[in-house]
């Protein structure tokens, strides 16, 4: 069911700690990014996927459905440049709704996570906090996009530097765990409901 939010999956990084692109981790014969896109497409419209590292390989192996795919040729500048690329696309498409900023290495995002962010959203930026640690995904109001695009830094760092913009949502469970090193893969996929 659509939630009234747009979405950006930041999937441009090189996954240096893994030794392989996180986007292409095999999950029952399908690339992880393909499954994440399919899941988030059910809730977010439009959905933008920002690729960078090995973009051609990812496009050849993963079916990204109806998501808009944008290549960030400056992906080595960091996550902020990918966020800016995605927000710029949505701005040009004249999208006027909050956007969920999600990470490709955090596939365990659920509809419950998104609903909790939306329920608490009061404009500005809504940030989940799990066990006192702020994290992803973020829900960024349309009124904040220009501020985020002009800074080009990690979106979470931008939000935390401006607490007056932020509404926190405290989660009583764990944050959707991120895949950063090889030992994360099995644990994340078990919680993700696959693997």
N, C-alpha and C. Protein backbone atom coordinates (compact mmCIF):
# COMPACT_ATOMS: atom_id res chain seq x y z
N UNK A 1 0.84 -1.18 0.00
CA UNK A 1 0.00 0.00 0.00
C UNK A 1 0.88 1.24 0.00
N UNK A 2 0.58 2.20 -0.89
CA UNK A 2 1.37 3.42 -0.98
C UNK A 2 1.18 4.27 0.28
N UNK A 3 2.24 4.97 0.66
CA UNK A 3 2.23 5.71 1.92
C UNK A 3 2.16 7.22 1.74
N UNK A 4 2.23 7.70 0.51
CA UNK A 4 2.23 9.14 0.29
C UNK A 4 3.60 9.77 0.35
N UNK A 5 4.64 8.96 0.48
CA UNK A 5 6.02 9.46 0.48
C UNK A 5 6.73 8.99 -0.78
N UNK A 6 7.72 9.76 -1.19
CA UNK A 6 8.64 9.33 -2.24
C UNK A 6 9.81 8.61 -1.57
N UNK A 7 10.69 8.05 -2.37
CA UNK A 7 11.83 7.35 -1.78
C UNK A 7 13.08 7.46 -2.62
N UNK A 8 14.21 7.46 -1.95
CA UNK A 8 15.52 7.40 -2.60
C UNK A 8 16.31 6.29 -1.92
N UNK A 9 16.81 5.36 -2.71
CA UNK A 9 17.73 4.34 -2.21
C UNK A 9 19.13 4.76 -2.64
N UNK A 10 19.99 5.00 -1.67
CA UNK A 10 21.38 5.36 -1.94
C UNK A 10 22.18 4.08 -2.12
N UNK A 11 22.51 3.78 -3.38
CA UNK A 11 23.13 2.50 -3.73
C UNK A 11 24.36 2.69 -4.60
N UNK A 12 25.09 3.78 -4.38
CA UNK A 12 26.21 4.12 -5.25
C UNK A 12 27.57 3.72 -4.70
N UNK A 13 27.64 3.36 -3.43
CA UNK A 13 28.94 3.13 -2.80
C UNK A 13 29.61 1.84 -3.21
N UNK A 14 30.90 1.74 -2.87
CA UNK A 14 31.73 0.60 -3.29
C UNK A 14 31.72 -0.56 -2.31
N UNK A 15 31.07 -0.43 -1.17
CA UNK A 15 31.01 -1.52 -0.18
C UNK A 15 32.41 -2.03 0.15
N UNK A 16 33.31 -1.13 0.45
CA UNK A 16 34.72 -1.49 0.61
C UNK A 16 34.96 -2.56 1.67
N UNK A 17 34.18 -2.57 2.72
CA UNK A 17 34.38 -3.56 3.77
C UNK A 17 33.92 -4.96 3.41
N UNK A 18 33.18 -5.08 2.30
CA UNK A 18 32.63 -6.38 1.92
C UNK A 18 33.48 -7.14 0.92
N UNK A 19 34.15 -6.41 0.04
CA UNK A 19 34.89 -7.07 -1.03
C UNK A 19 34.01 -7.42 -2.22
N UNK A 20 32.75 -7.06 -2.18
CA UNK A 20 31.81 -7.25 -3.29
C UNK A 20 30.73 -6.18 -3.15
N UNK A 21 30.09 -5.82 -4.26
CA UNK A 21 29.03 -4.81 -4.16
C UNK A 21 27.85 -5.32 -3.33
N UNK A 22 27.46 -4.58 -2.31
CA UNK A 22 26.34 -4.99 -1.48
C UNK A 22 25.07 -5.11 -2.31
N UNK A 23 24.97 -4.30 -3.36
CA UNK A 23 23.78 -4.31 -4.20
C UNK A 23 23.54 -5.68 -4.84
N UNK A 24 24.63 -6.44 -5.05
CA UNK A 24 24.53 -7.70 -5.79
C UNK A 24 24.67 -8.93 -4.90
N UNK A 25 24.64 -8.77 -3.59
CA UNK A 25 24.66 -9.95 -2.71
C UNK A 25 23.51 -10.86 -3.09
N UNK A 26 23.81 -12.14 -3.23
CA UNK A 26 22.81 -13.10 -3.67
C UNK A 26 21.86 -13.47 -2.53
N UNK A 27 20.58 -13.31 -2.80
CA UNK A 27 19.53 -13.70 -1.85
C UNK A 27 18.59 -14.64 -2.59
N UNK A 28 18.76 -15.92 -2.36
CA UNK A 28 17.93 -16.92 -3.03
C UNK A 28 17.90 -16.71 -4.54
N UNK A 29 19.07 -16.44 -5.13
CA UNK A 29 19.17 -16.31 -6.57
C UNK A 29 18.86 -14.95 -7.14
N UNK A 30 18.59 -13.98 -6.27
CA UNK A 30 18.29 -12.62 -6.73
C UNK A 30 19.21 -11.62 -6.04
N UNK A 31 19.58 -10.54 -6.73
CA UNK A 31 20.42 -9.52 -6.08
C UNK A 31 19.65 -8.80 -4.97
N UNK A 32 20.35 -8.49 -3.90
CA UNK A 32 19.74 -7.83 -2.75
C UNK A 32 19.04 -6.54 -3.14
N UNK A 33 19.67 -5.72 -3.99
CA UNK A 33 19.06 -4.45 -4.37
C UNK A 33 17.73 -4.66 -5.10
N UNK A 34 17.66 -5.68 -5.91
CA UNK A 34 16.40 -5.99 -6.62
C UNK A 34 15.27 -6.25 -5.63
N UNK A 35 15.56 -7.00 -4.59
CA UNK A 35 14.54 -7.33 -3.59
C UNK A 35 14.15 -6.08 -2.79
N UNK A 36 15.14 -5.26 -2.42
CA UNK A 36 14.85 -4.04 -1.68
C UNK A 36 13.99 -3.09 -2.52
N UNK A 37 14.32 -2.94 -3.80
CA UNK A 37 13.52 -2.08 -4.68
C UNK A 37 12.09 -2.60 -4.79
N UNK A 38 11.94 -3.89 -4.95
CA UNK A 38 10.59 -4.46 -5.04
C UNK A 38 9.80 -4.17 -3.76
N UNK A 39 10.44 -4.33 -2.62
CA UNK A 39 9.77 -4.10 -1.34
C UNK A 39 9.38 -2.62 -1.18
N UNK A 40 10.33 -1.71 -1.39
CA UNK A 40 10.04 -0.29 -1.18
C UNK A 40 9.10 0.29 -2.23
N UNK A 41 9.10 -0.29 -3.43
CA UNK A 41 8.18 0.18 -4.48
C UNK A 41 6.72 0.00 -4.08
N UNK A 42 6.46 -0.94 -3.21
CA UNK A 42 5.08 -1.16 -2.76
C UNK A 42 4.59 -0.01 -1.88
N UNK A 43 5.51 0.76 -1.30
CA UNK A 43 5.13 1.80 -0.33
C UNK A 43 5.44 3.21 -0.80
N UNK A 44 6.44 3.37 -1.66
CA UNK A 44 6.96 4.69 -2.00
C UNK A 44 6.77 5.00 -3.48
N UNK A 45 6.33 6.21 -3.78
CA UNK A 45 6.10 6.59 -5.17
C UNK A 45 6.32 8.09 -5.34
N UNK A 46 7.24 8.46 -6.22
CA UNK A 46 8.14 7.61 -6.99
C UNK A 46 9.29 7.09 -6.12
N UNK A 47 9.97 6.07 -6.64
CA UNK A 47 11.15 5.52 -5.99
C UNK A 47 12.34 5.73 -6.92
N UNK A 48 13.39 6.31 -6.38
CA UNK A 48 14.61 6.60 -7.13
C UNK A 48 15.74 5.75 -6.56
N UNK A 49 16.51 5.12 -7.44
CA UNK A 49 17.69 4.37 -7.04
C UNK A 49 18.90 5.10 -7.60
N UNK A 50 19.82 5.49 -6.73
CA UNK A 50 21.03 6.18 -7.16
C UNK A 50 22.18 5.17 -7.17
N UNK A 51 22.70 4.92 -8.36
CA UNK A 51 23.82 4.00 -8.53
C UNK A 51 25.10 4.78 -8.81
N UNK A 52 26.24 4.11 -8.66
CA UNK A 52 27.53 4.73 -8.95
C UNK A 52 28.56 3.66 -9.24
N UNK A 53 29.15 3.10 -8.18
CA UNK A 53 30.15 2.05 -8.32
C UNK A 53 29.56 0.85 -9.05
N UNK A 54 30.25 0.42 -10.12
CA UNK A 54 29.82 -0.73 -10.92
C UNK A 54 28.36 -0.63 -11.35
N UNK A 55 27.93 0.56 -11.73
CA UNK A 55 26.52 0.77 -12.10
C UNK A 55 26.09 -0.12 -13.25
N UNK A 56 26.93 -0.28 -14.26
CA UNK A 56 26.56 -1.12 -15.41
C UNK A 56 26.35 -2.56 -14.98
N UNK A 57 27.21 -3.06 -14.11
CA UNK A 57 27.07 -4.43 -13.62
C UNK A 57 25.78 -4.59 -12.81
N UNK A 58 25.49 -3.62 -11.97
CA UNK A 58 24.25 -3.68 -11.18
C UNK A 58 23.04 -3.67 -12.10
N UNK A 59 23.04 -2.80 -13.09
CA UNK A 59 21.90 -2.73 -14.02
C UNK A 59 21.75 -4.01 -14.83
N UNK A 60 22.86 -4.66 -15.15
CA UNK A 60 22.80 -5.90 -15.92
C UNK A 60 22.26 -7.06 -15.09
N UNK A 61 22.49 -7.03 -13.79
CA UNK A 61 22.13 -8.18 -12.95
C UNK A 61 20.86 -8.00 -12.14
N UNK A 62 20.47 -6.76 -11.86
CA UNK A 62 19.32 -6.53 -10.98
C UNK A 62 18.17 -5.91 -11.76
N UNK A 63 16.99 -6.48 -11.59
CA UNK A 63 15.77 -5.92 -12.18
C UNK A 63 15.24 -4.89 -11.19
N UNK A 64 15.35 -3.62 -11.56
CA UNK A 64 14.94 -2.55 -10.66
C UNK A 64 13.53 -2.06 -10.94
N UNK A 65 12.78 -2.86 -11.69
CA UNK A 65 11.36 -2.61 -11.89
C UNK A 65 11.09 -1.22 -12.44
N UNK A 66 10.10 -0.57 -11.86
CA UNK A 66 9.71 0.76 -12.31
C UNK A 66 10.42 1.90 -11.61
N UNK A 67 11.43 1.59 -10.82
CA UNK A 67 12.17 2.65 -10.13
C UNK A 67 12.93 3.50 -11.13
N UNK A 68 13.03 4.79 -10.86
CA UNK A 68 13.88 5.67 -11.67
C UNK A 68 15.32 5.43 -11.25
N UNK A 69 16.17 5.12 -12.21
CA UNK A 69 17.58 4.85 -11.91
C UNK A 69 18.41 6.03 -12.37
N UNK A 70 19.17 6.59 -11.44
CA UNK A 70 20.02 7.74 -11.71
C UNK A 70 21.46 7.33 -11.39
N UNK A 71 22.39 7.69 -12.28
CA UNK A 71 23.79 7.38 -12.05
C UNK A 71 24.47 8.61 -11.45
N UNK A 72 25.12 8.41 -10.32
CA UNK A 72 25.93 9.46 -9.70
C UNK A 72 27.38 9.21 -10.10
N UNK A 73 27.86 9.98 -11.06
CA UNK A 73 29.23 9.80 -11.53
C UNK A 73 30.25 10.33 -10.52
N UNK A 74 29.78 11.05 -9.53
CA UNK A 74 30.66 11.57 -8.48
C UNK A 74 30.51 10.77 -7.18
N UNK A 75 30.16 9.50 -7.29
CA UNK A 75 29.86 8.69 -6.12
C UNK A 75 31.03 8.62 -5.13
N UNK A 76 32.25 8.76 -5.63
CA UNK A 76 33.40 8.68 -4.73
C UNK A 76 33.46 9.87 -3.76
N UNK A 77 32.68 10.92 -4.02
CA UNK A 77 32.62 12.06 -3.10
C UNK A 77 31.84 11.73 -1.84
N UNK A 78 31.12 10.61 -1.85
CA UNK A 78 30.42 10.18 -0.65
C UNK A 78 28.92 10.18 -0.78
N UNK A 79 28.29 9.74 0.28
CA UNK A 79 26.85 9.53 0.31
C UNK A 79 26.07 10.83 0.06
N UNK A 80 26.64 11.95 0.48
CA UNK A 80 25.96 13.23 0.27
C UNK A 80 25.76 13.56 -1.19
N UNK A 81 26.74 13.20 -2.02
CA UNK A 81 26.59 13.49 -3.45
C UNK A 81 25.49 12.64 -4.06
N UNK A 82 25.31 11.43 -3.57
CA UNK A 82 24.22 10.57 -4.07
C UNK A 82 22.87 11.10 -3.61
N UNK A 83 22.79 11.55 -2.37
CA UNK A 83 21.54 12.15 -1.89
C UNK A 83 21.17 13.35 -2.74
N UNK A 84 22.16 14.20 -3.02
CA UNK A 84 21.92 15.39 -3.82
C UNK A 84 21.44 15.01 -5.22
N UNK A 85 22.02 13.97 -5.81
CA UNK A 85 21.62 13.50 -7.13
C UNK A 85 20.16 13.06 -7.12
N UNK A 86 19.77 12.30 -6.10
CA UNK A 86 18.39 11.83 -6.01
C UNK A 86 17.40 12.95 -5.77
N UNK A 87 17.73 13.87 -4.86
CA UNK A 87 16.83 14.99 -4.58
C UNK A 87 16.71 15.92 -5.79
N UNK A 88 17.80 16.10 -6.51
CA UNK A 88 17.75 16.93 -7.71
C UNK A 88 16.79 16.33 -8.74
N UNK A 89 16.86 15.02 -8.90
CA UNK A 89 15.94 14.35 -9.83
C UNK A 89 14.49 14.57 -9.40
N UNK A 90 14.19 14.33 -8.14
CA UNK A 90 12.82 14.50 -7.66
C UNK A 90 12.35 15.95 -7.80
N UNK A 91 13.24 16.90 -7.57
CA UNK A 91 12.89 18.31 -7.73
C UNK A 91 12.52 18.62 -9.18
N UNK A 92 13.31 18.10 -10.11
CA UNK A 92 13.02 18.34 -11.53
C UNK A 92 11.73 17.66 -11.97
N UNK A 93 11.37 16.57 -11.28
CA UNK A 93 10.12 15.88 -11.58
C UNK A 93 8.93 16.52 -10.87
N UNK A 94 9.20 17.60 -10.14
CA UNK A 94 8.17 18.36 -9.43
C UNK A 94 7.40 17.51 -8.41
N UNK A 95 8.15 16.69 -7.70
CA UNK A 95 7.57 15.89 -6.62
C UNK A 95 7.46 16.79 -5.38
N UNK A 96 6.29 16.81 -4.76
CA UNK A 96 6.05 17.67 -3.59
C UNK A 96 5.53 16.84 -2.43
N UNK A 97 6.38 15.99 -1.90
CA UNK A 97 6.00 15.17 -0.74
C UNK A 97 7.26 14.80 0.02
N UNK A 98 7.12 14.34 1.24
CA UNK A 98 8.32 13.91 1.97
C UNK A 98 9.01 12.77 1.23
N UNK A 99 10.31 12.64 1.46
CA UNK A 99 11.06 11.56 0.82
C UNK A 99 11.77 10.74 1.90
N UNK A 100 11.65 9.43 1.76
CA UNK A 100 12.38 8.50 2.62
C UNK A 100 13.76 8.30 2.00
N UNK A 101 14.80 8.56 2.77
CA UNK A 101 16.17 8.32 2.31
C UNK A 101 16.66 7.04 2.96
N UNK A 102 16.84 6.02 2.12
CA UNK A 102 17.20 4.69 2.59
C UNK A 102 18.57 4.29 2.04
N UNK A 103 19.21 3.35 2.71
CA UNK A 103 20.52 2.86 2.31
C UNK A 103 20.39 1.46 1.72
N UNK A 104 21.12 1.21 0.64
CA UNK A 104 21.06 -0.10 0.00
C UNK A 104 21.60 -1.21 0.88
N UNK A 105 22.45 -0.87 1.84
CA UNK A 105 23.01 -1.91 2.72
C UNK A 105 22.19 -2.11 3.99
N UNK A 106 20.95 -1.61 3.98
CA UNK A 106 20.06 -1.74 5.14
C UNK A 106 18.71 -2.29 4.65
N UNK A 107 18.70 -3.55 4.23
CA UNK A 107 17.51 -4.07 3.56
C UNK A 107 16.34 -4.40 4.48
N UNK A 108 16.53 -4.37 5.79
CA UNK A 108 15.47 -4.79 6.70
C UNK A 108 14.43 -3.74 7.01
N UNK A 109 14.35 -2.68 6.23
CA UNK A 109 13.33 -1.65 6.45
C UNK A 109 11.96 -2.27 6.25
N UNK A 110 11.06 -2.00 7.19
CA UNK A 110 9.70 -2.55 7.10
C UNK A 110 8.68 -1.43 6.95
N UNK A 111 7.48 -1.82 6.61
CA UNK A 111 6.41 -0.83 6.54
C UNK A 111 6.19 -0.19 7.91
N UNK A 112 6.41 -0.95 8.98
CA UNK A 112 6.25 -0.41 10.33
C UNK A 112 7.25 0.72 10.59
N UNK A 113 8.49 0.56 10.12
CA UNK A 113 9.47 1.64 10.26
C UNK A 113 8.96 2.90 9.57
N UNK A 114 8.49 2.74 8.35
CA UNK A 114 8.03 3.90 7.58
C UNK A 114 6.80 4.54 8.21
N UNK A 115 5.86 3.73 8.67
CA UNK A 115 4.65 4.28 9.30
C UNK A 115 4.99 5.05 10.58
N UNK A 116 5.94 4.54 11.35
CA UNK A 116 6.34 5.25 12.57
C UNK A 116 6.94 6.60 12.24
N UNK A 117 7.76 6.66 11.19
CA UNK A 117 8.33 7.94 10.77
C UNK A 117 7.24 8.89 10.31
N UNK A 118 6.30 8.38 9.52
CA UNK A 118 5.23 9.25 9.00
C UNK A 118 4.32 9.75 10.11
N UNK A 119 4.01 8.90 11.06
CA UNK A 119 3.12 9.30 12.15
C UNK A 119 3.74 10.44 12.96
N UNK A 120 5.04 10.39 13.16
CA UNK A 120 5.72 11.42 13.95
C UNK A 120 6.10 12.65 13.14
N UNK A 121 6.05 12.54 11.82
CA UNK A 121 6.58 13.60 10.95
C UNK A 121 5.82 14.90 11.14
N UNK A 122 6.56 15.96 11.46
CA UNK A 122 5.95 17.27 11.68
C UNK A 122 6.63 18.31 10.80
N UNK A 123 7.05 17.89 9.60
CA UNK A 123 7.87 18.74 8.76
C UNK A 123 9.32 18.54 9.16
N UNK A 124 10.22 19.25 8.53
CA UNK A 124 11.63 19.09 8.86
C UNK A 124 12.12 17.71 8.49
N UNK A 125 12.83 17.07 9.42
CA UNK A 125 13.44 15.77 9.19
C UNK A 125 13.05 14.85 10.35
N UNK A 126 12.57 13.68 10.02
CA UNK A 126 12.22 12.71 11.05
C UNK A 126 13.28 11.62 11.05
N UNK A 127 13.88 11.40 12.23
CA UNK A 127 15.04 10.52 12.37
C UNK A 127 14.70 9.41 13.36
N UNK A 128 14.88 8.15 12.97
CA UNK A 128 14.68 7.08 13.94
C UNK A 128 15.86 7.00 14.91
N UNK A 129 15.55 6.73 16.16
CA UNK A 129 16.58 6.57 17.18
C UNK A 129 16.36 5.21 17.83
N UNK A 130 17.38 4.36 17.75
CA UNK A 130 17.30 3.02 18.31
C UNK A 130 18.38 2.89 19.37
N UNK A 131 17.96 2.62 20.60
CA UNK A 131 18.92 2.47 21.70
C UNK A 131 19.86 3.68 21.75
N UNK A 132 19.27 4.85 21.67
CA UNK A 132 19.97 6.13 21.79
C UNK A 132 20.86 6.47 20.59
N UNK A 133 20.81 5.66 19.53
CA UNK A 133 21.63 5.91 18.35
C UNK A 133 20.74 6.34 17.19
N UNK A 134 20.90 7.56 16.68
CA UNK A 134 20.14 7.96 15.50
C UNK A 134 20.63 7.19 14.27
N UNK A 135 19.72 6.95 13.35
CA UNK A 135 20.11 6.16 12.17
C UNK A 135 19.21 6.42 10.98
N UNK A 136 19.24 5.47 10.08
CA UNK A 136 18.44 5.49 8.86
C UNK A 136 17.32 4.48 8.98
N UNK A 137 16.30 4.63 8.13
CA UNK A 137 16.07 5.64 7.09
C UNK A 137 15.58 6.95 7.68
N UNK A 138 15.77 8.03 6.92
CA UNK A 138 15.29 9.36 7.31
C UNK A 138 14.07 9.72 6.48
N UNK A 139 13.18 10.51 7.05
CA UNK A 139 12.06 11.07 6.29
C UNK A 139 12.28 12.58 6.24
N UNK A 140 12.49 13.10 5.03
CA UNK A 140 12.86 14.51 4.85
C UNK A 140 11.71 15.23 4.15
N UNK A 141 11.21 16.27 4.80
CA UNK A 141 10.12 17.05 4.24
C UNK A 141 10.56 17.79 2.99
N UNK A 142 9.63 18.00 2.08
CA UNK A 142 9.95 18.72 0.83
C UNK A 142 10.55 20.09 1.12
N UNK A 143 10.13 20.72 2.18
CA UNK A 143 10.62 22.06 2.52
C UNK A 143 12.11 22.08 2.88
N UNK A 144 12.68 20.91 3.14
CA UNK A 144 14.09 20.82 3.54
C UNK A 144 15.03 20.42 2.41
N UNK A 145 14.50 20.06 1.26
CA UNK A 145 15.36 19.49 0.21
C UNK A 145 16.48 20.43 -0.20
N UNK A 146 16.17 21.72 -0.39
CA UNK A 146 17.20 22.66 -0.83
C UNK A 146 18.33 22.74 0.19
N UNK A 147 17.99 22.71 1.46
CA UNK A 147 19.03 22.74 2.50
C UNK A 147 19.93 21.52 2.40
N UNK A 148 19.35 20.37 2.16
CA UNK A 148 20.14 19.14 2.06
C UNK A 148 20.98 19.14 0.79
N UNK A 149 20.40 19.58 -0.32
CA UNK A 149 21.15 19.59 -1.58
C UNK A 149 22.32 20.56 -1.53
N UNK A 150 22.17 21.66 -0.84
CA UNK A 150 23.24 22.67 -0.82
C UNK A 150 24.42 22.23 0.02
N UNK A 151 24.22 21.30 0.92
CA UNK A 151 25.31 20.89 1.81
C UNK A 151 26.11 19.71 1.26
N UNK A 152 25.45 18.75 0.64
CA UNK A 152 26.16 17.64 0.03
C UNK A 152 26.93 16.75 0.99
N UNK A 153 26.50 16.70 2.24
CA UNK A 153 27.15 15.85 3.24
C UNK A 153 26.27 14.64 3.51
N UNK A 154 26.74 13.77 4.40
CA UNK A 154 25.92 12.64 4.82
C UNK A 154 24.59 13.18 5.35
N UNK A 155 23.45 12.70 4.83
CA UNK A 155 22.16 13.24 5.26
C UNK A 155 21.93 13.18 6.77
N UNK A 156 22.36 12.11 7.41
CA UNK A 156 22.18 12.00 8.85
C UNK A 156 23.02 13.05 9.58
N UNK A 157 24.23 13.28 9.11
CA UNK A 157 25.08 14.31 9.72
C UNK A 157 24.46 15.69 9.58
N UNK A 158 23.85 15.97 8.42
CA UNK A 158 23.19 17.26 8.22
C UNK A 158 22.07 17.42 9.24
N UNK A 159 21.24 16.39 9.36
CA UNK A 159 20.11 16.46 10.29
C UNK A 159 20.58 16.67 11.73
N UNK A 160 21.58 15.92 12.15
CA UNK A 160 22.04 16.00 13.53
C UNK A 160 22.73 17.32 13.84
N UNK A 161 23.25 17.98 12.82
CA UNK A 161 23.87 19.30 13.02
C UNK A 161 22.83 20.40 13.19
N UNK A 162 21.57 20.07 12.90
CA UNK A 162 20.49 21.06 12.99
C UNK A 162 19.32 20.46 13.78
N UNK A 163 19.48 20.30 15.09
CA UNK A 163 18.43 19.65 15.89
C UNK A 163 17.09 20.36 15.81
N UNK A 164 17.10 21.64 15.46
CA UNK A 164 15.84 22.38 15.35
C UNK A 164 15.00 21.88 14.18
N UNK A 165 15.59 21.14 13.26
CA UNK A 165 14.84 20.58 12.12
C UNK A 165 14.27 19.20 12.45
N UNK A 166 14.77 18.58 13.51
CA UNK A 166 14.61 17.13 13.69
C UNK A 166 13.48 16.77 14.65
N UNK A 167 12.70 15.79 14.24
CA UNK A 167 11.78 15.08 15.12
C UNK A 167 12.33 13.66 15.25
N UNK A 168 12.50 13.20 16.47
CA UNK A 168 13.02 11.86 16.69
C UNK A 168 11.89 10.87 16.91
N UNK A 169 12.08 9.67 16.38
CA UNK A 169 11.17 8.56 16.62
C UNK A 169 11.98 7.49 17.32
N UNK A 170 11.62 7.21 18.56
CA UNK A 170 12.37 6.21 19.32
C UNK A 170 11.78 4.84 19.06
N UNK A 171 12.66 3.94 18.61
CA UNK A 171 12.23 2.57 18.32
C UNK A 171 12.51 1.67 19.50
N UNK A 172 11.58 0.77 19.77
CA UNK A 172 11.81 -0.15 20.89
C UNK A 172 12.47 -1.43 20.42
N UNK A 173 12.65 -1.55 19.10
CA UNK A 173 13.38 -2.71 18.60
C UNK A 173 14.71 -2.21 18.03
N UNK A 174 15.42 -3.09 17.38
CA UNK A 174 16.71 -2.70 16.82
C UNK A 174 16.52 -1.94 15.51
N UNK A 175 17.47 -1.08 15.21
CA UNK A 175 17.48 -0.44 13.90
C UNK A 175 17.64 -1.52 12.84
N UNK A 176 17.08 -1.28 11.65
CA UNK A 176 17.38 -2.23 10.57
C UNK A 176 18.91 -2.28 10.40
N UNK A 177 19.47 -3.43 10.65
CA UNK A 177 20.93 -3.56 10.66
C UNK A 177 21.50 -3.36 9.26
N UNK A 178 22.69 -2.80 9.21
CA UNK A 178 23.36 -2.55 7.95
C UNK A 178 24.39 -3.64 7.65
N UNK A 179 24.58 -3.91 6.37
CA UNK A 179 25.61 -4.84 5.93
C UNK A 179 26.86 -4.03 5.64
N UNK A 180 27.87 -4.19 6.48
CA UNK A 180 29.10 -3.42 6.35
C UNK A 180 30.30 -4.33 6.11
N UNK A 181 30.33 -5.47 6.81
CA UNK A 181 31.42 -6.45 6.67
C UNK A 181 30.79 -7.81 6.40
N UNK A 182 31.57 -8.77 5.86
CA UNK A 182 30.99 -10.06 5.48
C UNK A 182 30.21 -10.76 6.59
N UNK A 183 30.63 -10.63 7.84
CA UNK A 183 29.92 -11.32 8.92
C UNK A 183 28.51 -10.76 9.15
N UNK A 184 28.22 -9.58 8.61
CA UNK A 184 26.87 -9.01 8.75
C UNK A 184 25.85 -9.69 7.84
N UNK A 185 26.33 -10.30 6.76
CA UNK A 185 25.40 -10.75 5.71
C UNK A 185 24.39 -11.74 6.25
N UNK A 186 24.84 -12.81 6.89
CA UNK A 186 23.92 -13.85 7.36
C UNK A 186 22.92 -13.30 8.37
N UNK A 187 23.40 -12.50 9.32
CA UNK A 187 22.51 -11.95 10.35
C UNK A 187 21.47 -11.03 9.74
N UNK A 188 21.89 -10.19 8.80
CA UNK A 188 20.95 -9.25 8.19
C UNK A 188 19.92 -10.00 7.36
N UNK A 189 20.36 -10.95 6.57
CA UNK A 189 19.41 -11.67 5.72
C UNK A 189 18.44 -12.50 6.54
N UNK A 190 18.87 -12.99 7.70
CA UNK A 190 17.95 -13.73 8.56
C UNK A 190 16.84 -12.82 9.07
N UNK A 191 17.19 -11.59 9.45
CA UNK A 191 16.18 -10.62 9.92
C UNK A 191 15.35 -10.08 8.77
N UNK A 192 15.97 -10.03 7.59
CA UNK A 192 15.33 -9.51 6.39
C UNK A 192 14.25 -10.48 5.90
N UNK A 193 14.32 -11.72 6.38
CA UNK A 193 13.32 -12.70 5.96
C UNK A 193 13.74 -13.46 4.73
N UNK A 194 15.03 -13.50 4.47
CA UNK A 194 15.53 -14.23 3.32
C UNK A 194 16.90 -14.78 3.68
N UNK A 195 17.35 -15.74 2.90
CA UNK A 195 18.70 -16.24 3.12
C UNK A 195 18.70 -17.58 3.80
